[in-house]
N, C-alpha and C. Protein backbone atom coordinates (compact mmCIF):
# COMPACT_ATOMS: atom_id res chain seq x y z
N MET A 1 -44.42 76.31 102.76
CA MET A 1 -45.82 75.90 102.80
C MET A 1 -46.40 76.35 104.15
N THR A 2 -47.42 77.12 104.05
CA THR A 2 -48.06 77.68 105.25
C THR A 2 -49.42 77.03 105.44
N SER A 3 -49.66 76.57 106.68
CA SER A 3 -50.97 76.00 106.95
C SER A 3 -51.56 76.72 108.17
N SER A 4 -52.85 76.86 108.18
CA SER A 4 -53.50 77.54 109.28
C SER A 4 -53.89 76.51 110.31
N HIS A 5 -53.54 76.83 111.56
CA HIS A 5 -53.90 75.99 112.68
C HIS A 5 -55.21 76.45 113.33
N GLY A 6 -55.81 77.47 112.75
CA GLY A 6 -57.04 78.05 113.32
C GLY A 6 -58.12 77.04 113.57
N PRO A 7 -58.50 76.22 112.56
CA PRO A 7 -59.56 75.24 112.80
C PRO A 7 -59.19 74.20 113.88
N ALA A 8 -57.96 73.80 113.92
CA ALA A 8 -57.55 72.82 114.92
C ALA A 8 -57.61 73.44 116.30
N ILE A 9 -57.18 74.68 116.42
CA ILE A 9 -57.21 75.40 117.71
C ILE A 9 -58.66 75.56 118.14
N ALA A 10 -59.52 75.99 117.22
CA ALA A 10 -60.95 76.16 117.56
C ALA A 10 -61.55 74.85 118.01
N ASP A 11 -61.17 73.76 117.37
CA ASP A 11 -61.71 72.44 117.75
C ASP A 11 -61.25 72.05 119.15
N LEU A 12 -59.97 72.31 119.45
CA LEU A 12 -59.46 72.01 120.79
C LEU A 12 -60.12 72.88 121.85
N GLN A 13 -60.34 74.14 121.50
CA GLN A 13 -61.01 75.02 122.48
C GLN A 13 -62.47 74.57 122.72
N ALA A 14 -63.12 74.06 121.69
CA ALA A 14 -64.47 73.52 121.89
C ALA A 14 -64.43 72.27 122.76
N GLN A 15 -63.43 71.44 122.56
CA GLN A 15 -63.26 70.23 123.40
C GLN A 15 -63.03 70.63 124.87
N ILE A 16 -62.22 71.65 125.08
CA ILE A 16 -61.92 72.12 126.44
C ILE A 16 -63.21 72.63 127.06
N ALA A 17 -64.00 73.38 126.32
CA ALA A 17 -65.26 73.91 126.85
C ALA A 17 -66.22 72.76 127.23
N ALA A 18 -66.27 71.76 126.38
CA ALA A 18 -67.14 70.60 126.64
C ALA A 18 -66.66 69.85 127.90
N LEU A 19 -65.36 69.70 128.04
CA LEU A 19 -64.80 69.02 129.24
C LEU A 19 -65.09 69.83 130.50
N ARG A 20 -64.96 71.16 130.40
CA ARG A 20 -65.27 72.00 131.56
C ARG A 20 -66.73 71.84 131.99
N GLU A 21 -67.63 71.75 131.00
CA GLU A 21 -69.06 71.55 131.29
C GLU A 21 -69.29 70.21 131.97
N GLN A 22 -68.60 69.17 131.46
CA GLN A 22 -68.70 67.83 132.09
C GLN A 22 -68.20 67.87 133.53
N ILE A 23 -67.12 68.59 133.76
CA ILE A 23 -66.56 68.72 135.11
C ILE A 23 -67.62 69.40 136.02
N ARG A 24 -68.22 70.46 135.54
CA ARG A 24 -69.23 71.16 136.36
C ARG A 24 -70.40 70.21 136.70
N THR A 25 -70.84 69.45 135.68
CA THR A 25 -71.91 68.50 135.90
C THR A 25 -71.51 67.44 136.93
N HIS A 26 -70.33 66.88 136.81
CA HIS A 26 -69.86 65.86 137.72
C HIS A 26 -69.68 66.44 139.12
N GLU A 27 -69.18 67.67 139.21
CA GLU A 27 -69.02 68.28 140.55
C GLU A 27 -70.39 68.45 141.22
N ALA A 28 -71.39 68.82 140.46
CA ALA A 28 -72.75 68.97 141.01
C ALA A 28 -73.26 67.60 141.51
N ALA A 29 -73.04 66.58 140.71
CA ALA A 29 -73.48 65.23 141.07
C ALA A 29 -72.74 64.75 142.31
N LEU A 30 -71.46 65.05 142.40
CA LEU A 30 -70.68 64.68 143.59
C LEU A 30 -71.20 65.38 144.84
N ALA A 31 -71.54 66.65 144.69
CA ALA A 31 -72.08 67.40 145.84
C ALA A 31 -73.37 66.75 146.32
N GLU A 32 -74.23 66.34 145.40
CA GLU A 32 -75.46 65.67 145.75
C GLU A 32 -75.19 64.34 146.49
N LEU A 33 -74.24 63.60 145.94
CA LEU A 33 -73.91 62.30 146.58
C LEU A 33 -73.32 62.52 147.96
N ARG A 34 -72.53 63.51 148.14
CA ARG A 34 -71.94 63.80 149.44
C ARG A 34 -73.04 64.18 150.44
N GLU A 35 -74.02 64.94 149.96
CA GLU A 35 -75.15 65.28 150.81
C GLU A 35 -75.94 64.05 151.24
N LYS A 36 -76.20 63.19 150.29
CA LYS A 36 -76.93 61.95 150.58
C LYS A 36 -76.14 61.07 151.52
N GLU A 37 -74.82 61.00 151.32
CA GLU A 37 -73.96 60.21 152.21
C GLU A 37 -74.05 60.73 153.64
N SER A 38 -74.03 62.04 153.78
CA SER A 38 -74.14 62.67 155.09
C SER A 38 -75.49 62.35 155.72
N GLU A 39 -76.56 62.44 154.95
CA GLU A 39 -77.89 62.10 155.49
C GLU A 39 -77.95 60.64 155.92
N LEU A 40 -77.41 59.74 155.12
CA LEU A 40 -77.42 58.33 155.47
C LEU A 40 -76.58 58.07 156.70
N GLN A 41 -75.45 58.74 156.83
CA GLN A 41 -74.61 58.57 158.02
C GLN A 41 -75.33 59.05 159.25
N THR A 42 -76.09 60.11 159.14
CA THR A 42 -76.88 60.58 160.26
C THR A 42 -77.91 59.55 160.68
N ILE A 43 -78.56 58.96 159.71
CA ILE A 43 -79.55 57.91 159.98
C ILE A 43 -78.91 56.72 160.64
N VAL A 44 -77.78 56.28 160.13
CA VAL A 44 -77.04 55.13 160.68
C VAL A 44 -76.66 55.43 162.14
N SER A 45 -76.14 56.62 162.38
CA SER A 45 -75.75 57.01 163.75
C SER A 45 -76.96 56.97 164.69
N ALA A 46 -78.10 57.47 164.21
CA ALA A 46 -79.30 57.47 165.05
C ALA A 46 -79.76 56.05 165.35
N LEU A 47 -79.70 55.20 164.33
CA LEU A 47 -80.10 53.81 164.52
C LEU A 47 -79.14 53.09 165.46
N GLU A 48 -77.86 53.33 165.35
CA GLU A 48 -76.90 52.73 166.26
C GLU A 48 -77.16 53.20 167.69
N GLU A 49 -77.46 54.46 167.85
CA GLU A 49 -77.76 55.01 169.17
C GLU A 49 -79.01 54.37 169.74
N MET A 50 -80.02 54.21 168.92
CA MET A 50 -81.28 53.55 169.37
C MET A 50 -81.03 52.13 169.77
N GLU A 51 -80.23 51.42 168.95
CA GLU A 51 -79.91 50.04 169.25
C GLU A 51 -79.15 49.92 170.58
N ARG A 52 -78.22 50.82 170.78
CA ARG A 52 -77.40 50.82 172.03
C ARG A 52 -78.34 51.08 173.21
N PHE A 53 -79.25 52.04 173.07
CA PHE A 53 -80.18 52.35 174.15
C PHE A 53 -81.06 51.15 174.46
N MET A 54 -81.59 50.50 173.41
CA MET A 54 -82.47 49.36 173.63
C MET A 54 -81.71 48.21 174.30
N ARG A 55 -80.49 47.99 173.86
CA ARG A 55 -79.70 46.90 174.43
C ARG A 55 -79.39 47.20 175.93
N GLU A 56 -79.06 48.46 176.22
CA GLU A 56 -78.74 48.84 177.59
C GLU A 56 -79.98 48.81 178.50
N SER A 57 -81.13 49.06 177.90
CA SER A 57 -82.36 49.03 178.73
C SER A 57 -82.97 47.63 178.80
N GLY A 58 -82.32 46.67 178.14
CA GLY A 58 -82.77 45.31 178.21
C GLY A 58 -83.89 44.97 177.28
N LYS A 59 -84.20 45.84 176.31
CA LYS A 59 -85.31 45.61 175.39
C LYS A 59 -84.85 45.38 173.97
N GLY A 60 -83.58 45.34 173.75
CA GLY A 60 -83.06 45.19 172.42
C GLY A 60 -83.08 43.75 171.92
N VAL A 61 -82.95 43.63 170.64
CA VAL A 61 -82.89 42.33 170.00
C VAL A 61 -81.44 41.82 170.10
N ARG A 62 -81.30 40.63 170.57
CA ARG A 62 -79.95 40.06 170.70
C ARG A 62 -79.48 39.52 169.34
N ARG A 63 -78.22 39.75 169.08
CA ARG A 63 -77.66 39.21 167.82
C ARG A 63 -76.83 38.01 168.09
């Protein structure tokens, strides 16, 4: 008894292609998130530096 695995193989190849597309989409989203993280870290660093300067100059808010 001979059966063709062609349709099953084609289905698996389609699933692989769909997964690869999802990976590309997720990688793009991750890159955007990493960029935003970097921007936020820059802002936090600047705010910390400002706070340190204000505290050292005697004009900062005491916690």
